[in-house]
Amino acid sequence: MATTTNLLQTLGNLEKDSFISLLSNLISESRYVQNNPPELIPEEDRVVKHVLNSLSPLSTTTGGGPLIINHVTYFPGRGNLIVEYPGTVPGKILSFVGCHMDVVTANPNDWDFDPFSLSIDGDKLRGRGTTDCLGHVALVTELMKKLAETKPNLKSTVVAVFIANEENSAITGVGVDALVQDGLLNKLKDGPLFWIDTADKQPCVGTGGMIPWKLHVTGKLFHSGLAHKAINPLELAMDAVKEIQLKFYKDFPPHPQEQVYGFATPSTMKPTQWSYPGGGINQIPGECTVSGDVRLTPFYNVKDVIKKLQEYVDDINENVQKLETRGPVSKYVLSDENLRGSLTLTFDEAMSGIACDLNSRGFKVLCKATEEIVGSLKPFSITGSLPLIRELKDEGFDVQSVGYGLMATYHAQNEYCLFTDMAQGYRVFASIIAQLED
């Protein structure tokens, strides 16, 4: 079997010319893999094509190498790719998952360079998807390619899973959710699963859940000069949201585990959008809608929060006359007209956060590799949300998360990554494989 030193020498360093050539091809497809339905539905097979061009010559399909490749498609043009380098010990396995082949949208008018073609500025590799996540697609492809070319005799099977449909959950049954449901990833439970879709080269050990909410507020439309005859839904919305927030922060305060995991913020509940049907400046509208989200650390249950939020709204509706108002004629009940202001709370699809297992073998080898290659170890947690990985953990996978793009350019205009960071990521992956041989 390959010793750790020999294996690291065999896998070597990330080959710059090969990596940049592949990444250039992938970024050239980024225009067509923007994910914002219904207007923009990605065609991930455009990315799959380039990955297959790199790996198929080294696969059992062509007879040119050891890689076992499975192109799995649930929707035309929107494939996933499972690539396996077989080891010699049954059940001994590790996987690199989460490299997704869709991207968020980009408006070329807002960028300083073309987002849909790779440009190079010193160490910077620029374009939509370089950090999130086509850069990782290219990185893991290069790793699997090197394994197939050098054919080290490994105990562990190494699996890479390139997925569709990560950036938007409006359409389901396309990506990793369908792969899990069909049992195609079941054997990955036997070893650590590294989700490669974060940034800044450090283990991301915790993420937040997300609960999108909408609060529709009904009042009574009237002339603003006769405010005593109106129920102002804008004022009701402000007072109701304040009451809801006060109760939320009482019921879901900072959790002790948040310090252990290094979360930058506790759970939050806040408005982020406001809309109303329109009207004159001298008209108190009859309704408005306030929207926002809850970002929830993984030590609280999403279903519990949804239940509580609904209870808060129900209580306000039953006791709207007790709600704090604004001024002598601001009121939420017009008794002589038998009218009451009211709230209706609805939710879009919620997701749960994850707290990775800090005692698992996967976490320990990732930490050791990071400290040795990157030169420091600073695991972090954020209440930003990564879809799908909590479900994987709940299914029994040892999920660890890391990435080698830049958080500062994640989903941002003028997105870029650094080649030197990606090169370190390659060596971290090689170290993980080598450590798990022991």
Protein backbone atom coordinates (compact mmCIF):
# COMPACT_ATOMS: atom_id res chain seq x y z
CA MET A 1 0.00 0.00 0.00
CA ALA A 2 1.02 3.60 -0.58
CA THR A 3 2.75 5.16 2.39
CA THR A 4 1.77 8.69 3.38
CA THR A 5 5.00 10.22 2.10
CA ASN A 6 4.98 8.28 -1.16
CA LEU A 7 1.32 9.10 -1.78
CA LEU A 8 1.86 12.82 -1.24
CA GLN A 9 4.82 12.70 -3.64
CA THR A 10 2.74 10.78 -6.17
CA LEU A 11 -0.14 13.25 -6.10
CA GLY A 12 2.23 16.21 -6.06
CA ASN A 13 0.87 19.72 -6.56
CA LEU A 14 -2.01 21.16 -8.52
CA GLU A 15 -0.94 21.43 -12.16
CA LYS A 16 -1.55 25.08 -12.96
CA ASP A 17 -1.88 24.92 -16.74
CA SER A 18 -4.28 21.98 -16.65
CA PHE A 19 -6.38 23.54 -13.88
CA ILE A 20 -6.65 26.95 -15.54
CA SER A 21 -7.48 25.41 -18.91
CA LEU A 22 -10.33 23.43 -17.38
CA LEU A 23 -11.53 26.36 -15.27
CA SER A 24 -11.55 28.58 -18.36
CA ASN A 25 -13.85 26.10 -20.08
CA LEU A 26 -16.14 25.96 -17.06
CA ILE A 27 -16.41 29.74 -16.63
CA SER A 28 -17.26 30.02 -20.33
CA GLU A 29 -20.42 28.08 -19.49
CA SER A 30 -21.35 30.18 -16.45
CA ARG A 31 -23.81 32.30 -18.45
CA TYR A 32 -25.80 29.13 -19.13
CA VAL A 33 -25.75 27.71 -15.59
CA GLN A 34 -27.17 30.75 -13.77
CA ASN A 35 -29.86 29.51 -11.39
CA ASN A 36 -32.82 31.84 -10.93
CA PRO A 37 -36.04 30.14 -12.04
CA PRO A 38 -38.32 30.56 -13.81
CA GLU A 39 -36.29 33.00 -15.90
CA LEU A 40 -32.94 31.23 -15.64
CA ILE A 41 -32.81 27.44 -15.36
CA PRO A 42 -29.26 26.12 -15.50
CA GLU A 43 -28.00 23.54 -17.97
CA GLU A 44 -25.45 21.81 -15.75
CA ASP A 45 -24.63 19.25 -18.44
CA ARG A 46 -22.69 22.01 -20.18
CA VAL A 47 -20.27 21.79 -17.23
CA VAL A 48 -20.51 18.00 -17.07
CA LYS A 49 -19.27 17.88 -20.67
CA HIS A 50 -15.95 19.49 -19.76
CA VAL A 51 -15.45 17.33 -16.66
CA LEU A 52 -16.09 14.24 -18.76
CA ASN A 53 -13.63 15.45 -21.39
CA SER A 54 -10.98 15.42 -18.64
CA LEU A 55 -11.95 12.19 -16.92
CA SER A 56 -13.58 9.87 -19.48
CA PRO A 57 -10.25 8.95 -21.13
CA LEU A 58 -9.19 7.64 -17.70
CA SER A 59 -12.37 5.68 -17.01
CA THR A 60 -13.60 2.12 -17.26
CA THR A 61 -16.09 3.38 -19.85
CA THR A 62 -13.32 3.88 -22.39
CA GLY A 63 -10.98 1.29 -20.92
CA GLY A 64 -8.37 3.97 -20.43
CA GLY A 65 -8.22 3.94 -16.64
CA PRO A 66 -9.69 2.98 -13.28
CA LEU A 67 -12.34 5.69 -12.80
CA ILE A 68 -15.95 4.55 -12.53
CA ILE A 69 -18.18 7.34 -13.81
CA ASN A 70 -21.94 7.61 -13.37
CA HIS A 71 -23.74 10.49 -15.09
CA VAL A 72 -27.11 10.73 -13.31
CA THR A 73 -29.82 12.95 -14.78
CA TYR A 74 -33.31 13.58 -13.39
CA PHE A 75 -34.16 16.49 -15.68
CA PRO A 76 -32.97 16.93 -19.28
CA GLY A 77 -29.69 18.81 -19.49
CA ARG A 78 -29.31 18.95 -15.70
CA GLY A 79 -27.01 16.08 -14.79
CA ASN A 80 -25.01 15.08 -11.72
CA LEU A 81 -21.70 13.24 -11.92
CA ILE A 82 -20.41 10.57 -9.53
CA VAL A 83 -16.75 9.68 -10.07
CA GLU A 84 -15.11 6.83 -8.15
CA TYR A 85 -11.47 5.82 -7.79
CA PRO A 86 -11.68 2.27 -6.37
CA GLY A 87 -9.74 1.24 -3.29
CA THR A 88 -8.84 -2.27 -2.19
CA VAL A 89 -10.62 -2.51 1.19
CA PRO A 90 -14.40 -2.97 0.98
CA GLY A 91 -16.30 -0.34 2.96
CA LYS A 92 -13.29 1.95 3.40
CA ILE A 93 -14.24 5.19 1.68
CA LEU A 94 -14.03 8.98 1.66
CA SER A 95 -15.81 11.47 -0.54
CA PHE A 96 -15.66 15.01 -1.82
CA VAL A 97 -19.21 16.23 -2.40
CA GLY A 98 -20.99 19.53 -2.91
CA CYS A 99 -19.05 20.92 -5.86
CA HIS A 100 -22.06 22.33 -7.69
CA MET A 101 -22.25 23.16 -11.35
CA ASP A 102 -24.77 26.02 -11.16
CA VAL A 103 -24.03 29.63 -10.22
CA VAL A 104 -25.87 32.70 -9.00
CA THR A 105 -26.75 35.37 -11.52
CA ALA A 106 -24.40 38.07 -12.74
CA ASN A 107 -25.16 41.31 -14.57
CA PRO A 108 -22.20 42.20 -16.80
CA ASN A 109 -23.12 45.89 -16.54
CA ASP A 110 -22.30 45.82 -12.83
CA TRP A 111 -18.89 44.15 -13.19
CA ASP A 112 -15.46 45.56 -13.94
CA PHE A 113 -14.74 42.58 -16.20
CA ASP A 114 -16.72 39.97 -18.14
CA PRO A 115 -18.26 37.60 -15.55
CA PHE A 116 -18.76 34.87 -18.15
CA SER A 117 -15.18 34.33 -19.26
CA LEU A 118 -12.11 33.60 -17.18
CA SER A 119 -9.64 36.45 -16.85
CA ILE A 120 -6.37 36.35 -14.95
CA ASP A 121 -4.85 39.16 -12.94
CA GLY A 122 -1.70 37.88 -11.27
CA ASP A 123 -2.86 35.29 -8.75
CA LYS A 124 -6.50 36.23 -9.24
CA LEU A 125 -8.72 33.98 -11.35
CA ARG A 126 -11.76 36.12 -12.17
CA GLY A 127 -15.28 35.23 -13.27
CA ARG A 128 -18.67 34.08 -12.03
CA GLY A 129 -18.23 30.72 -10.33
CA THR A 130 -14.50 30.92 -9.61
CA THR A 131 -15.15 30.96 -5.85
CA ASP A 132 -18.65 29.45 -5.89
CA CYS A 133 -18.34 26.81 -7.11
CA LEU A 134 -16.89 26.07 -10.55
CA GLY A 135 -13.41 26.62 -9.14
CA HIS A 136 -14.01 23.67 -6.83
CA VAL A 137 -15.42 21.60 -9.70
CA ALA A 138 -12.16 22.13 -11.56
CA LEU A 139 -10.09 21.49 -8.43
CA VAL A 140 -11.71 18.15 -7.57
CA THR A 141 -11.66 17.11 -11.24
CA GLU A 142 -7.90 17.67 -11.28
CA LEU A 143 -7.55 15.57 -8.11
CA MET A 144 -9.49 12.66 -9.60
CA LYS A 145 -7.54 12.99 -12.83
CA LYS A 146 -4.22 12.75 -10.99
CA LEU A 147 -5.40 9.69 -9.05
CA ALA A 148 -6.40 7.99 -12.29
CA GLU A 149 -3.14 8.89 -14.04
CA THR A 150 -0.81 7.81 -11.23
CA LYS A 151 -2.91 4.84 -9.98
CA PRO A 152 -1.74 4.74 -6.34
CA ASN A 153 -2.66 1.51 -4.57
CA LEU A 154 -5.14 2.84 -2.00
CA LYS A 155 -7.10 1.04 0.69
CA SER A 156 -9.78 3.73 0.51
CA THR A 157 -12.16 4.31 -2.35
CA VAL A 158 -12.20 8.03 -3.22
CA VAL A 159 -15.47 9.40 -4.58
CA ALA A 160 -16.22 12.82 -6.07
CA VAL A 161 -19.81 13.97 -6.51
CA PHE A 162 -20.49 16.97 -8.74
CA ILE A 163 -24.04 18.16 -8.24
CA ALA A 164 -26.74 20.14 -10.02
CA ASN A 165 -29.15 22.67 -8.56
CA GLU A 166 -27.51 23.91 -5.38
CA GLU A 167 -28.15 27.64 -5.70
CA ASN A 168 -31.96 27.56 -5.72
CA SER A 169 -34.52 25.28 -4.09
CA ALA A 170 -37.55 26.39 -6.12
CA ILE A 171 -37.13 23.24 -8.22
CA THR A 172 -36.39 19.99 -6.37
CA GLY A 173 -35.56 16.43 -7.36
CA VAL A 174 -32.67 17.50 -9.58
CA GLY A 175 -29.49 17.38 -7.51
CA VAL A 176 -28.10 15.81 -4.36
CA ASP A 177 -31.57 15.49 -2.80
CA ALA A 178 -32.54 13.08 -5.57
CA LEU A 179 -29.21 11.22 -5.38
CA VAL A 180 -29.75 10.62 -1.66
CA GLN A 181 -33.38 9.60 -2.15
CA ASP A 182 -32.35 7.04 -4.77
CA GLY A 183 -29.66 5.62 -2.45
CA LEU A 184 -26.84 6.47 -4.85
CA LEU A 185 -24.74 7.97 -2.06
CA ASN A 186 -25.50 5.40 0.65
CA LYS A 187 -22.04 3.85 0.68
CA LEU A 188 -20.52 7.26 1.42
CA LYS A 189 -21.86 6.88 4.98
CA ASP A 190 -18.99 4.48 5.67
CA GLY A 191 -16.43 7.30 5.72
CA PRO A 192 -16.06 11.06 6.02
CA LEU A 193 -17.87 13.23 3.49
CA PHE A 194 -16.19 16.56 2.75
CA TRP A 195 -18.63 19.17 1.43
CA ILE A 196 -16.52 21.42 -0.79
CA ASP A 197 -18.50 24.64 -1.05
CA THR A 198 -17.37 27.17 1.54
CA ALA A 199 -14.43 29.57 1.52
CA ASP A 200 -11.28 30.93 3.14
CA LYS A 201 -9.45 27.59 3.50
CA GLN A 202 -10.63 26.83 7.03
CA PRO A 203 -13.08 24.18 8.26
CA CYS A 204 -16.61 25.57 8.39
CA VAL A 205 -18.00 23.67 11.37
CA GLY A 206 -21.41 25.29 11.67
CA THR A 207 -24.02 26.94 9.48
CA GLY A 208 -27.38 28.55 10.15
CA GLY A 209 -30.86 27.46 9.32
CA MET A 210 -33.04 29.84 7.35
CA ILE A 211 -36.78 30.49 7.66
CA PRO A 212 -38.15 32.96 5.08
CA TRP A 213 -41.36 34.63 6.32
CA LYS A 214 -43.98 37.07 5.06
CA LEU A 215 -46.27 39.09 7.31
CA HIS A 216 -49.30 40.44 5.45
CA VAL A 217 -50.94 43.28 7.40
CA THR A 218 -54.51 44.40 6.80
CA GLY A 219 -55.76 47.79 8.03
CA LYS A 220 -58.28 50.27 6.68
CA LEU A 221 -57.53 52.64 3.81
CA PHE A 222 -58.44 56.30 4.40
CA HIS A 223 -57.40 59.90 3.77
CA SER A 224 -54.28 60.78 5.75
CA GLY A 225 -55.93 63.98 6.98
CA LEU A 226 -58.52 61.88 8.77
CA ALA A 227 -56.13 59.40 10.37
CA HIS A 228 -58.61 58.64 13.17
CA LYS A 229 -60.80 56.88 10.61
CA ALA A 230 -58.01 54.61 9.34
CA ILE A 231 -56.17 51.58 10.59
CA ASN A 232 -52.63 52.23 9.41
CA PRO A 233 -51.13 48.90 8.30
CA LEU A 234 -47.64 50.39 8.10
CA GLU A 235 -47.72 51.37 11.76
CA LEU A 236 -49.32 48.06 12.70
CA ALA A 237 -46.57 46.21 10.83
CA MET A 238 -43.85 48.14 12.65
CA ASP A 239 -45.36 47.57 16.08
CA ALA A 240 -46.17 43.92 15.37
CA VAL A 241 -42.68 43.12 14.07
CA LYS A 242 -41.15 44.75 17.14
CA GLU A 243 -43.36 42.63 19.41
CA ILE A 244 -42.54 39.47 17.46
CA GLN A 245 -38.80 40.21 17.65
CA LEU A 246 -38.89 40.83 21.41
CA LYS A 247 -40.60 37.48 21.97
CA PHE A 248 -38.27 35.68 19.56
CA TYR A 249 -35.11 36.88 21.29
CA LYS A 250 -36.57 35.90 24.67
CA ASP A 251 -37.42 32.38 23.50
CA PHE A 252 -34.31 31.82 21.35
CA PRO A 253 -31.45 33.62 23.12
CA PRO A 254 -27.74 33.08 22.39
CA HIS A 255 -26.98 29.38 22.94
CA PRO A 256 -23.86 28.28 24.89
CA GLN A 257 -22.75 26.02 22.01
CA GLU A 258 -22.47 29.03 19.71
CA GLN A 259 -19.25 30.01 21.47
CA VAL A 260 -17.87 26.47 21.18
CA TYR A 261 -18.45 26.53 17.43
CA GLY A 262 -17.37 30.13 16.97
CA PHE A 263 -20.56 31.55 15.52
CA ALA A 264 -20.19 35.24 14.72
CA THR A 265 -23.82 35.95 15.61
CA PRO A 266 -26.61 34.22 17.53
CA SER A 267 -29.97 33.46 15.93
CA THR A 268 -31.68 36.49 14.41
CA MET A 269 -35.21 37.36 13.27
CA LYS A 270 -35.60 40.55 11.23
CA PRO A 271 -37.42 42.23 8.33
CA THR A 272 -35.57 42.70 5.06
CA GLN A 273 -38.29 43.76 2.57
CA TRP A 274 -41.40 45.95 2.61
CA SER A 275 -44.13 46.34 -0.01
CA TYR A 276 -47.56 47.91 -0.37
CA PRO A 277 -50.04 48.21 -3.27
CA GLY A 278 -49.29 51.87 -3.95
CA GLY A 279 -51.28 55.07 -3.59
CA GLY A 280 -50.94 58.78 -2.98
CA ILE A 281 -48.79 60.34 -0.30
CA ASN A 282 -52.02 61.62 1.32
CA GLN A 283 -53.52 58.15 1.51
CA ILE A 284 -53.11 55.67 4.36
CA PRO A 285 -52.99 52.31 2.54
CA GLY A 286 -55.25 49.43 3.38
CA GLU A 287 -52.54 46.77 3.48
CA CYS A 288 -48.83 46.08 3.33
CA THR A 289 -46.47 43.13 3.47
CA VAL A 290 -43.26 42.88 5.46
CA SER A 291 -40.89 40.04 4.59
CA GLY A 292 -37.71 38.81 6.19
CA ASP A 293 -35.97 35.77 7.52
CA VAL A 294 -34.87 33.95 10.61
CA ARG A 295 -31.25 32.82 10.67
CA LEU A 296 -31.11 30.06 13.23
CA THR A 297 -28.06 28.46 14.80
CA PRO A 298 -28.25 24.66 14.57
CA PHE A 299 -28.84 24.22 18.29
CA TYR A 300 -32.49 25.23 17.85
CA ASN A 301 -35.14 23.39 15.86
CA VAL A 302 -36.63 25.07 12.79
CA LYS A 303 -40.08 23.56 13.40
CA ASP A 304 -40.12 24.89 16.97
CA VAL A 305 -39.37 28.39 15.73
CA ILE A 306 -42.07 28.30 13.05
CA LYS A 307 -44.60 27.17 15.65
CA LYS A 308 -43.59 29.95 18.03
CA LEU A 309 -43.73 32.66 15.36
CA GLN A 310 -47.26 31.60 14.49
CA GLU A 311 -48.20 31.70 18.17
CA TYR A 312 -46.84 35.26 18.44
CA VAL A 313 -48.96 36.39 15.49
CA ASP A 314 -52.07 34.61 16.77
CA ASP A 315 -51.65 36.36 20.12
CA ILE A 316 -51.30 39.76 18.48
CA ASN A 317 -54.42 39.17 16.39
CA GLU A 318 -56.41 38.21 19.47
CA ASN A 319 -55.13 41.19 21.45
CA VAL A 320 -54.41 43.78 18.78
CA GLN A 321 -56.13 46.44 20.90
CA LYS A 322 -53.35 46.00 23.50
CA LEU A 323 -50.52 46.51 21.02
CA GLU A 324 -48.46 49.65 21.51
CA THR A 325 -49.57 52.43 19.14
CA ARG A 326 -48.13 55.72 17.87
CA GLY A 327 -49.82 58.94 18.88
CA PRO A 328 -53.30 60.02 20.01
CA VAL A 329 -55.24 58.86 16.91
CA SER A 330 -53.14 55.83 15.98
CA LYS A 331 -55.25 52.77 16.64
CA TYR A 332 -55.63 49.22 15.39
CA VAL A 333 -59.30 48.75 16.29
CA LEU A 334 -62.20 50.90 15.06
CA SER A 335 -64.89 49.84 17.52
CA ASP A 336 -67.71 51.88 15.98
CA GLU A 337 -67.11 50.13 12.63
CA ASN A 338 -66.36 46.73 14.16
CA LEU A 339 -63.01 46.68 12.32
CA ARG A 340 -59.71 45.27 13.58
CA GLY A 341 -56.27 45.29 12.02
CA SER A 342 -55.01 41.81 11.36
CA LEU A 343 -51.86 39.88 10.52
CA THR A 344 -51.36 36.82 8.33
CA LEU A 345 -48.03 35.00 8.59
CA THR A 346 -46.78 32.65 5.87
CA PHE A 347 -43.49 30.85 5.32
CA ASP A 348 -41.47 29.85 2.28
CA GLU A 349 -39.36 26.70 2.34
CA ALA A 350 -37.13 26.57 5.41
CA MET A 351 -33.80 24.83 5.85
CA SER A 352 -31.86 23.72 8.91
CA GLY A 353 -28.27 24.54 9.80
CA ILE A 354 -25.60 22.05 10.76
CA ALA A 355 -23.14 21.61 13.60
CA CYS A 356 -20.41 19.31 12.32
CA ASP A 357 -19.11 16.52 14.56
CA LEU A 358 -15.96 17.94 16.15
CA ASN A 359 -14.91 14.49 17.37
CA SER A 360 -15.10 12.63 14.08
CA ARG A 361 -12.16 11.21 12.16
CA GLY A 362 -13.10 13.37 9.21
CA PHE A 363 -12.83 16.58 11.23
CA LYS A 364 -9.50 15.56 12.76
CA VAL A 365 -7.82 14.74 9.43
CA LEU A 366 -9.17 17.96 7.90
CA CYS A 367 -7.76 19.97 10.81
CA LYS A 368 -4.36 18.33 10.63
CA ALA A 369 -4.15 18.83 6.87
CA THR A 370 -5.25 22.46 7.16
CA GLU A 371 -2.72 23.27 9.86
CA GLU A 372 0.11 21.62 7.92
CA ILE A 373 -0.71 23.04 4.49
CA VAL A 374 -2.38 26.40 5.18
CA GLY A 375 -0.21 27.12 8.22
CA SER A 376 -2.99 27.90 10.68
CA LEU A 377 -6.16 26.31 11.99
CA LYS A 378 -9.17 28.56 12.67
CA PRO A 379 -12.47 26.68 12.31
CA PHE A 380 -15.41 29.03 11.92
CA SER A 381 -19.20 29.06 11.85
CA ILE A 382 -21.65 31.41 10.16
CA THR A 383 -25.40 31.84 10.16
CA GLY A 384 -25.29 31.88 6.40
CA SER A 385 -27.04 28.78 5.10
CA LEU A 386 -25.84 25.87 3.01
CA PRO A 387 -28.68 23.80 1.59
CA LEU A 388 -28.74 20.02 1.80
CA ILE A 389 -25.89 19.26 4.21
CA ARG A 390 -28.03 19.09 7.38
CA GLU A 391 -30.16 16.50 5.62
CA LEU A 392 -27.03 14.51 4.81
CA LYS A 393 -25.95 14.59 8.45
CA ASP A 394 -29.42 13.52 9.55
CA GLU A 395 -29.18 10.64 7.06
CA GLY A 396 -26.06 9.41 8.88
CA PHE A 397 -23.21 10.99 6.91
CA ASP A 398 -20.11 12.38 8.67
CA VAL A 399 -20.28 15.77 6.96
CA GLN A 400 -17.35 18.18 7.15
CA SER A 401 -17.22 21.41 5.17
CA VAL A 402 -14.40 23.42 3.66
CA GLY A 403 -13.65 25.51 0.59
CA TYR A 404 -10.87 27.42 -1.11
CA GLY A 405 -12.57 30.40 -2.69
CA LEU A 406 -12.90 33.77 -0.96
CA MET A 407 -15.80 34.64 1.33
CA ALA A 408 -15.38 38.30 0.36
CA THR A 409 -16.33 37.48 -3.26
CA TYR A 410 -18.98 34.84 -2.55
CA HIS A 411 -22.10 35.69 -4.63
CA ALA A 412 -20.54 39.10 -5.18
CA GLN A 413 -19.86 41.31 -8.17
CA ASN A 414 -16.32 40.93 -9.54
CA GLU A 415 -16.01 37.41 -8.12
CA TYR A 416 -12.58 35.83 -8.12
CA CYS A 417 -10.48 33.20 -6.37
CA LEU A 418 -6.74 32.85 -5.94
CA PHE A 419 -4.77 30.11 -7.66
CA THR A 420 -2.49 29.78 -4.62
CA ASP A 421 -5.54 29.07 -2.42
CA MET A 422 -6.81 26.40 -4.81
CA ALA A 423 -3.33 24.89 -4.92
CA GLN A 424 -3.34 24.65 -1.13
CA GLY A 425 -6.78 23.04 -1.32
CA TYR A 426 -5.39 20.36 -3.63
CA ARG A 427 -2.62 19.56 -1.15
CA VAL A 428 -5.13 19.46 1.73
CA PHE A 429 -7.19 16.90 -0.21
CA ALA A 430 -4.06 14.84 -0.89
CA SER A 431 -3.17 14.95 2.82
CA ILE A 432 -6.70 13.84 3.79
CA ILE A 433 -6.48 10.84 1.46
CA ALA A 434 -3.03 9.96 2.79
CA GLN A 435 -4.02 10.27 6.46
CA LEU A 436 -7.05 8.05 5.98
CA GLU A 437 -4.82 5.29 4.59
CA ASP A 438 -3.34 4.80 8.08
